[in-house]
Amino acid sequence: MPLISIVLRNVWKKKARSLGLALAIAFAVMTVVTLSVVGNGLETSATAILKVGKADFTIVQKGVPDILNSTIDESTLVRIEKTPGVKSAVGVLVETQKINASNPVFIEVGIPPEDLTPFGVTILSGHPYSPDATNQVMLGWRAAQNFGLHVGSSFVANGTTNTVVGIFSTGNSFGDDAAMFPLPALQGYNRVPGVVTMVFVKVDHGASIPSVEHSISYAMPELSTIRTAAQFGREDLTLVFVKAAATGSAILAVVIGAIIVGNTMLLSLFERTKEFGLLRAIGWTRTEVLALVMGEGLLLAVVGAGVGVGLSFGAASLLERLPELVGVLHVRFSQDAFWRGLLTALVMTLLGTIYPALRAAFRSPLDALGHE
């Protein structure tokens, strides 16, 4: 009988043990995959704003726990604009507000109307707001559809009623689901006069982007320049903590899972001592016994990984629907999620199975057959 057939038969024969091991592996995989996917989803949502301005790089305050807590004053913005190689520097204020239960974290962007074109904003209908208007707003076309509003409608936000004067598009889903206000008005609503959250920089044609970044970082060490999602992840301490938690949880899940697998396999080993002794007595080699035990464990690892990834779909979907995360967390599963789950299952199973497998393979047939 082929080894794979024996492995399948043994796994099926011990249904309760197999089910328990597969579920233990599945829950560990679910934890690892869910945390990883949620962390990536939060990072993707957070970095989406960097792509709205179609800039060569973005500047934020260094060391803030959340990028949206960054504060850059007007004098610093002027210094950035005067840096050699800088073609344009658009300072924007980004704030969040709960509009309703369906939009608990709605994004508001404060930006001067003259910077809308450099920022990559296209007016689809209506017109831009006035520079110093206190009751005008532009909505992204996705936000307008979401709220059922159009040019001339009233939009209540920041404790004021604003007239929708324009519908815009940025070519970015994040920007198209937001609202834009005159910069002084949004600064006033949030009591942060003269402050912007981040600066979107475009460099002169032919200028070296890394050189301009270096010049700004050297002259203004309190600032950080960001071009990639990886850089964003390093600067946003909240994301750093989320990723650290995901890594720590993955290690913990692997260790705990390996202990559970090891204990279960050891119990199974004691129950099957005579079986292994008989196999050795009829001519099975140590390698074949080792392969049998490891094969059973790896088969359960694959099954557990599949179940765990499936459970993570449900867990992530539930998290995505939490009021605190609606509009912030957008979960996207990829092939990497499955491979990460499979790797987790294989590692914990190998760690938990190797010792019982070696004991089964290297115990003498005579000793095993005489075991009570």
Protein backbone atom coordinates (compact mmCIF):
# COMPACT_ATOMS: atom_id res chain seq x y z
CA MET A 1 0.00 0.00 0.00
CA PRO A 2 1.47 3.42 -0.95
CA LEU A 3 2.58 5.64 1.93
CA ILE A 4 0.11 8.39 1.02
CA SER A 5 -2.77 5.90 1.26
CA ILE A 6 -1.65 4.85 4.73
CA VAL A 7 -1.37 8.51 5.78
CA LEU A 8 -4.91 9.22 4.56
CA ARG A 9 -6.26 6.11 6.25
CA ASN A 10 -4.62 6.93 9.58
CA VAL A 11 -5.87 10.52 9.54
CA TRP A 12 -9.40 9.37 8.72
CA LYS A 13 -9.29 6.58 11.29
CA LYS A 14 -8.48 8.98 14.15
CA LYS A 15 -11.19 11.52 13.27
CA ALA A 16 -11.41 13.21 16.69
CA ARG A 17 -7.65 13.68 16.99
CA SER A 18 -7.35 14.82 13.39
CA LEU A 19 -10.21 17.28 13.77
CA GLY A 20 -8.76 18.72 16.97
CA LEU A 21 -5.32 19.21 15.41
CA ALA A 22 -6.74 20.71 12.22
CA LEU A 23 -8.85 23.20 14.22
CA ALA A 24 -5.89 24.17 16.42
CA ILE A 25 -3.86 24.86 13.28
CA ALA A 26 -6.81 26.65 11.67
CA PHE A 27 -7.29 29.08 14.57
CA ALA A 28 -3.57 29.88 14.63
CA VAL A 29 -3.59 30.49 10.89
CA MET A 30 -6.75 32.60 11.17
CA THR A 31 -5.07 34.82 13.79
CA VAL A 32 -1.92 35.31 11.75
CA VAL A 33 -3.65 35.91 8.41
CA THR A 34 -6.35 38.21 9.84
CA LEU A 35 -3.87 40.44 11.66
CA SER A 36 -1.64 40.58 8.62
CA VAL A 37 -4.46 41.39 6.22
CA VAL A 38 -5.92 44.01 8.57
CA GLY A 39 -2.51 45.65 8.99
CA ASN A 40 -2.00 45.75 5.23
CA GLY A 41 -5.52 47.07 4.74
CA LEU A 42 -4.97 49.90 7.21
CA GLU A 43 -1.66 50.76 5.56
CA THR A 44 -3.24 50.76 2.11
CA SER A 45 -6.04 53.04 3.27
CA ALA A 46 -3.61 55.35 5.03
CA THR A 47 -1.15 55.60 2.13
CA ALA A 48 -3.94 56.23 -0.37
CA ILE A 49 -3.93 59.91 0.58
CA LEU A 50 -0.31 60.17 -0.57
CA LYS A 51 -1.42 59.33 -4.10
CA VAL A 52 -4.17 61.94 -4.23
CA GLY A 53 -1.87 64.87 -4.87
CA LYS A 54 0.09 63.24 -7.73
CA ALA A 55 3.24 64.60 -6.14
CA ASP A 56 6.82 63.33 -6.37
CA PHE A 57 6.91 62.99 -2.60
CA THR A 58 5.04 64.04 0.52
CA ILE A 59 6.33 65.78 3.63
CA VAL A 60 5.00 65.21 7.14
CA GLN A 61 6.08 65.95 10.69
CA LYS A 62 8.55 63.39 11.99
CA GLY A 63 7.73 61.12 14.93
CA VAL A 64 3.96 61.59 15.11
CA PRO A 65 1.88 58.61 16.32
CA ASP A 66 -0.49 59.07 13.38
CA ILE A 67 0.30 60.86 10.13
CA LEU A 68 -2.98 62.76 10.41
CA ASN A 69 -1.62 64.30 13.65
CA SER A 70 1.22 65.90 11.70
CA THR A 71 1.40 69.70 11.97
CA ILE A 72 3.42 71.92 9.65
CA ASP A 73 3.19 75.70 10.02
CA GLU A 74 3.06 78.25 7.22
CA SER A 75 6.65 79.44 7.72
CA THR A 76 7.92 75.90 7.22
CA LEU A 77 5.76 75.57 4.10
CA VAL A 78 7.41 78.74 2.70
CA ARG A 79 10.87 77.27 3.40
CA ILE A 80 9.90 74.11 1.54
CA GLU A 81 8.67 76.15 -1.43
CA LYS A 82 12.00 78.01 -1.59
CA THR A 83 14.12 74.84 -1.54
CA PRO A 84 16.17 74.54 -4.78
CA GLY A 85 14.59 72.04 -7.15
CA VAL A 86 11.05 72.41 -5.78
CA LYS A 87 8.57 73.29 -8.51
CA SER A 88 5.48 73.39 -6.26
CA ALA A 89 4.61 72.63 -2.66
CA VAL A 90 0.92 72.24 -1.84
CA GLY A 91 0.07 72.32 1.85
CA VAL A 92 -3.19 70.59 2.82
CA LEU A 93 -5.01 70.11 6.08
CA VAL A 94 -6.56 66.66 6.50
CA GLU A 95 -9.17 66.09 9.19
CA THR A 96 -11.72 63.39 9.91
CA GLN A 97 -15.29 63.74 11.12
CA LYS A 98 -18.24 61.51 11.85
CA ILE A 99 -21.01 62.49 9.44
CA ASN A 100 -23.37 59.63 10.26
CA ALA A 101 -23.33 55.96 11.23
CA SER A 102 -22.38 54.96 7.70
CA ASN A 103 -19.57 57.50 7.54
CA PRO A 104 -17.93 57.55 10.99
CA VAL A 105 -14.52 58.58 9.63
CA PHE A 106 -15.22 60.95 6.75
CA ILE A 107 -12.17 62.67 5.28
CA GLU A 108 -12.09 66.45 4.89
CA VAL A 109 -9.31 68.19 2.99
CA GLY A 110 -8.52 71.87 3.33
CA ILE A 111 -6.73 73.29 0.29
CA PRO A 112 -6.59 76.72 -1.40
CA PRO A 113 -8.55 76.83 -4.68
CA GLU A 114 -5.45 77.91 -6.64
CA ASP A 115 -3.74 74.67 -5.65
CA LEU A 116 -6.54 72.39 -6.84
CA THR A 117 -5.10 71.94 -10.35
CA PRO A 118 -1.52 71.24 -9.18
CA PHE A 119 -3.04 68.83 -6.66
CA GLY A 120 -4.63 66.86 -9.50
CA VAL A 121 -8.27 67.88 -8.93
CA THR A 122 -10.62 67.93 -11.91
CA ILE A 123 -13.95 69.77 -11.55
CA LEU A 124 -16.71 67.60 -13.02
CA SER A 125 -19.58 70.01 -12.38
CA GLY A 126 -20.01 73.39 -10.70
CA HIS A 127 -16.96 75.47 -9.81
CA PRO A 128 -14.28 75.76 -7.10
CA TYR A 129 -15.08 77.43 -3.81
CA SER A 130 -13.93 80.97 -3.06
CA PRO A 131 -10.57 81.30 -1.23
CA ASP A 132 -12.07 82.76 1.96
CA ALA A 133 -15.55 81.21 1.83
CA THR A 134 -16.86 79.85 5.14
CA ASN A 135 -19.91 77.99 3.87
CA GLN A 136 -18.81 76.35 0.62
CA VAL A 137 -17.64 72.81 -0.03
CA MET A 138 -16.71 70.56 -2.93
CA LEU A 139 -17.50 66.85 -2.84
CA GLY A 140 -15.72 64.00 -4.56
CA TRP A 141 -18.02 62.29 -7.01
CA ARG A 142 -18.10 59.12 -4.90
CA ALA A 143 -19.03 61.09 -1.79
CA ALA A 144 -21.72 62.97 -3.73
CA GLN A 145 -23.23 59.68 -4.88
CA ASN A 146 -22.99 58.24 -1.38
CA PHE A 147 -24.87 61.18 0.16
CA GLY A 148 -27.21 61.68 -2.81
CA LEU A 149 -26.06 65.30 -3.23
CA HIS A 150 -25.31 67.53 -6.24
CA VAL A 151 -24.26 71.09 -6.97
CA GLY A 152 -26.49 73.43 -4.96
CA SER A 153 -27.26 70.88 -2.24
CA SER A 154 -26.58 71.54 1.44
CA PHE A 155 -23.92 69.51 3.24
CA VAL A 156 -23.79 69.64 7.03
CA ALA A 157 -20.30 69.24 8.47
CA ASN A 158 -18.18 70.77 11.23
CA GLY A 159 -21.32 72.14 12.84
CA THR A 160 -22.11 74.30 9.80
CA THR A 161 -24.31 74.04 6.74
CA ASN A 162 -22.26 74.31 3.54
CA THR A 163 -23.39 74.72 -0.03
CA VAL A 164 -21.99 72.19 -2.48
CA VAL A 165 -20.46 74.38 -5.21
CA GLY A 166 -18.62 71.68 -7.14
CA ILE A 167 -18.21 67.96 -7.73
CA PHE A 168 -14.63 66.83 -8.37
CA SER A 169 -12.51 63.85 -9.31
CA THR A 170 -8.93 63.06 -8.35
CA GLY A 171 -8.65 59.69 -10.10
CA ASN A 172 -8.11 58.18 -6.65
CA SER A 173 -10.88 56.40 -4.74
CA PHE A 174 -9.68 57.89 -1.46
CA GLY A 175 -9.85 61.46 -2.75
CA ASP A 176 -13.08 60.90 -4.64
CA ASP A 177 -14.78 59.79 -1.41
CA ALA A 178 -13.77 62.96 0.49
CA ALA A 179 -14.81 66.61 0.77
CA MET A 180 -12.67 69.68 0.11
CA PHE A 181 -12.98 73.00 1.92
CA PRO A 182 -11.17 76.33 1.64
CA LEU A 183 -8.04 75.93 3.76
CA PRO A 184 -8.75 78.88 6.15
CA ALA A 185 -12.30 77.61 6.74
CA LEU A 186 -11.20 74.07 7.68
CA GLN A 187 -8.41 75.48 9.85
CA GLY A 188 -10.99 77.60 11.63
CA TYR A 189 -13.43 74.73 12.11
CA ASN A 190 -10.68 72.65 13.76
CA ARG A 191 -8.98 75.57 15.60
CA VAL A 192 -5.59 75.09 13.92
CA PRO A 193 -4.90 78.45 12.24
CA GLY A 194 -1.88 78.56 9.95
CA VAL A 195 -1.33 74.78 10.12
CA VAL A 196 -1.35 72.06 7.45
CA THR A 197 -1.07 68.31 7.89
CA MET A 198 1.20 67.47 4.98
CA VAL A 199 2.88 69.04 1.99
CA PHE A 200 2.78 67.54 -1.50
CA VAL A 201 5.93 68.40 -3.44
CA LYS A 202 6.67 68.33 -7.16
CA VAL A 203 10.22 68.88 -8.32
CA ASP A 204 11.50 70.82 -11.32
CA HIS A 205 11.92 68.96 -14.59
CA GLY A 206 15.34 67.33 -14.60
CA ALA A 207 15.86 67.76 -10.87
CA SER A 208 16.82 64.73 -8.78
CA ILE A 209 13.98 63.74 -6.45
CA PRO A 210 16.30 62.06 -3.89
CA SER A 211 18.55 65.14 -3.87
CA VAL A 212 15.61 67.48 -3.22
CA GLU A 213 14.37 65.14 -0.48
CA HIS A 214 17.82 65.13 1.11
CA SER A 215 18.01 68.94 0.99
CA ILE A 216 14.69 69.31 2.79
CA SER A 217 15.48 66.63 5.39
CA TYR A 218 18.89 68.19 6.08
CA ALA A 219 17.57 71.76 6.37
CA MET A 220 14.44 70.76 8.33
CA PRO A 221 15.22 67.63 10.39
CA GLU A 222 11.84 67.84 12.13
CA LEU A 223 10.23 66.72 8.85
CA SER A 224 10.12 63.40 7.03
CA THR A 225 9.77 62.85 3.30
CA ILE A 226 7.67 59.95 2.04
CA ARG A 227 7.54 58.38 -1.40
CA THR A 228 6.57 54.78 -0.76
CA ALA A 229 4.13 52.80 1.38
CA ALA A 230 7.11 51.30 3.21
CA GLN A 231 8.32 54.78 4.20
CA PHE A 232 4.81 55.68 5.29
CA GLY A 233 4.66 52.56 7.44
CA ARG A 234 7.88 53.54 9.20
CA GLU A 235 6.73 57.10 9.89
CA ASP A 236 3.22 56.33 11.13
CA LEU A 237 3.75 54.89 14.61
CA THR A 238 0.22 53.48 14.73
CA LEU A 239 0.98 51.31 11.72
CA VAL A 240 4.34 50.38 13.24
CA PHE A 241 2.53 49.11 16.34
CA VAL A 242 -0.07 47.25 14.25
CA LYS A 243 2.66 45.50 12.27
CA ALA A 244 4.62 44.73 15.43
CA ALA A 245 1.48 43.24 16.97
CA ALA A 246 0.90 41.14 13.84
CA THR A 247 4.49 39.87 13.92
CA GLY A 248 4.36 39.14 17.66
CA SER A 249 1.02 37.37 17.31
CA ALA A 250 2.36 35.28 14.44
CA ILE A 251 5.33 34.13 16.52
CA LEU A 252 3.10 33.43 19.52
CA ALA A 253 0.59 31.53 17.37
CA VAL A 254 3.35 29.39 15.88
CA VAL A 255 4.83 28.60 19.31
CA ILE A 256 1.49 27.79 20.95
CA GLY A 257 0.34 25.85 17.90
CA ALA A 258 3.57 23.85 17.85
CA ILE A 259 3.12 22.95 21.53
CA ILE A 260 -0.49 21.81 20.93
CA VAL A 261 0.53 19.79 17.88
CA GLY A 262 3.51 18.30 19.73
CA ASN A 263 1.44 17.27 22.76
CA THR A 264 -1.26 15.70 20.62
CA MET A 265 1.23 13.85 18.46
CA LEU A 266 3.06 12.56 21.56
CA LEU A 267 -0.19 11.22 22.98
CA SER A 268 -0.88 9.58 19.65
CA LEU A 269 2.64 8.14 19.68
CA PHE A 270 2.06 6.45 23.04
CA GLU A 271 -1.21 5.00 21.77
CA ARG A 272 0.43 3.70 18.59
CA THR A 273 3.73 2.44 20.00
CA LYS A 274 2.99 -1.19 19.13
CA GLU A 275 1.85 -0.14 15.64
CA PHE A 276 5.20 1.52 14.96
CA GLY A 277 7.03 -1.46 16.46
CA LEU A 278 5.12 -3.81 14.16
CA LEU A 279 5.91 -1.69 11.11
CA ARG A 280 9.60 -1.75 12.00
CA ALA A 281 9.44 -5.52 12.61
CA ILE A 282 8.00 -6.23 9.15
CA GLY A 283 10.74 -4.26 7.46
CA TRP A 284 9.83 -0.57 7.52
CA THR A 285 12.90 1.65 7.75
CA ARG A 286 13.29 4.52 10.19
CA THR A 287 12.92 6.90 7.27
CA GLU A 288 9.57 5.38 6.29
CA VAL A 289 8.22 5.61 9.86
CA LEU A 290 9.46 9.20 10.08
CA ALA A 291 7.78 10.00 6.75
CA LEU A 292 4.50 8.41 7.94
CA VAL A 293 4.27 10.54 11.10
CA MET A 294 5.44 13.71 9.37
CA GLY A 295 3.08 13.05 6.46
CA GLU A 296 0.08 12.83 8.80
CA GLY A 297 1.07 16.11 10.43
CA LEU A 298 1.65 17.91 7.12
CA LEU A 299 -1.68 16.71 5.73
CA LEU A 300 -3.46 18.18 8.75
CA ALA A 301 -1.40 21.36 8.32
CA VAL A 302 -2.66 21.82 4.76
CA VAL A 303 -6.27 21.18 5.83
CA GLY A 304 -5.91 23.51 8.82
CA ALA A 305 -4.35 26.21 6.64
CA GLY A 306 -7.28 26.09 4.22
CA VAL A 307 -9.84 26.26 7.02
CA GLY A 308 -7.87 29.00 8.79
CA VAL A 309 -7.69 31.21 5.70
CA GLY A 310 -11.42 30.71 5.21
CA LEU A 311 -12.09 31.74 8.82
CA SER A 312 -9.87 34.79 8.36
CA PHE A 313 -12.12 35.94 5.51
CA GLY A 314 -15.05 35.97 7.93
CA ALA A 315 -13.08 37.58 10.77
CA ALA A 316 -11.69 40.33 8.54
CA SER A 317 -15.14 41.02 7.07
CA LEU A 318 -16.56 41.42 10.58
CA LEU A 319 -13.76 43.81 11.54
CA GLU A 320 -14.37 45.80 8.36
CA ARG A 321 -17.98 46.33 9.45
CA LEU A 322 -17.16 47.62 12.92
CA PRO A 323 -18.41 51.22 13.27
CA GLU A 324 -14.92 52.38 14.28
CA LEU A 325 -13.39 50.92 11.09
CA VAL A 326 -16.08 51.60 8.49
CA GLY A 327 -14.48 53.61 5.71
CA VAL A 328 -11.01 53.16 7.20
CA LEU A 329 -10.33 49.46 6.81
CA HIS A 330 -10.63 48.02 3.31
CA VAL A 331 -9.60 44.39 3.41
CA ARG A 332 -8.06 42.91 0.28
CA PHE A 333 -7.09 39.25 0.24
CA SER A 334 -4.39 38.10 -2.13
CA GLN A 335 -2.44 34.94 -2.87
CA ASP A 336 0.07 36.12 -0.27
CA ALA A 337 -2.58 35.63 2.43
CA PHE A 338 -2.98 31.96 1.55
CA TRP A 339 0.76 31.34 1.31
CA ARG A 340 1.30 33.11 4.63
CA GLY A 341 -1.32 30.88 6.24
CA LEU A 342 0.15 27.75 4.69
CA LEU A 343 3.67 28.69 5.82
CA THR A 344 2.41 29.31 9.37
CA ALA A 345 0.67 25.93 9.43
CA LEU A 346 3.69 24.09 8.03
CA VAL A 347 6.16 25.71 10.43
CA MET A 348 4.10 25.02 13.55
CA THR A 349 3.37 21.46 12.40
CA LEU A 350 7.00 20.70 11.60
CA LEU A 351 8.08 22.09 14.97
CA GLY A 352 5.41 20.13 16.80
CA THR A 353 5.80 16.88 14.86
CA ILE A 354 9.56 16.46 14.51
CA TYR A 355 10.21 15.17 18.06
CA PRO A 356 7.33 12.63 18.14
CA ALA A 357 8.30 11.47 14.65
CA LEU A 358 11.93 10.93 15.65
CA ARG A 359 10.86 9.02 18.77
CA ALA A 360 8.62 6.76 16.71
CA ALA A 361 11.31 6.17 14.09
CA PHE A 362 14.23 5.45 16.42
CA ARG A 363 12.52 3.31 19.04
CA SER A 364 13.62 -0.31 18.71
CA PRO A 365 10.99 -2.73 17.36
CA LEU A 366 11.40 -5.11 20.31
CA ASP A 367 10.93 -2.32 22.86
CA ALA A 368 7.90 -0.97 21.01
CA LEU A 369 6.22 -4.36 20.70
CA GLY A 370 6.68 -4.96 24.42
CA HIS A 371 5.13 -1.61 25.36
CA GLU A 372 2.03 -1.76 27.56
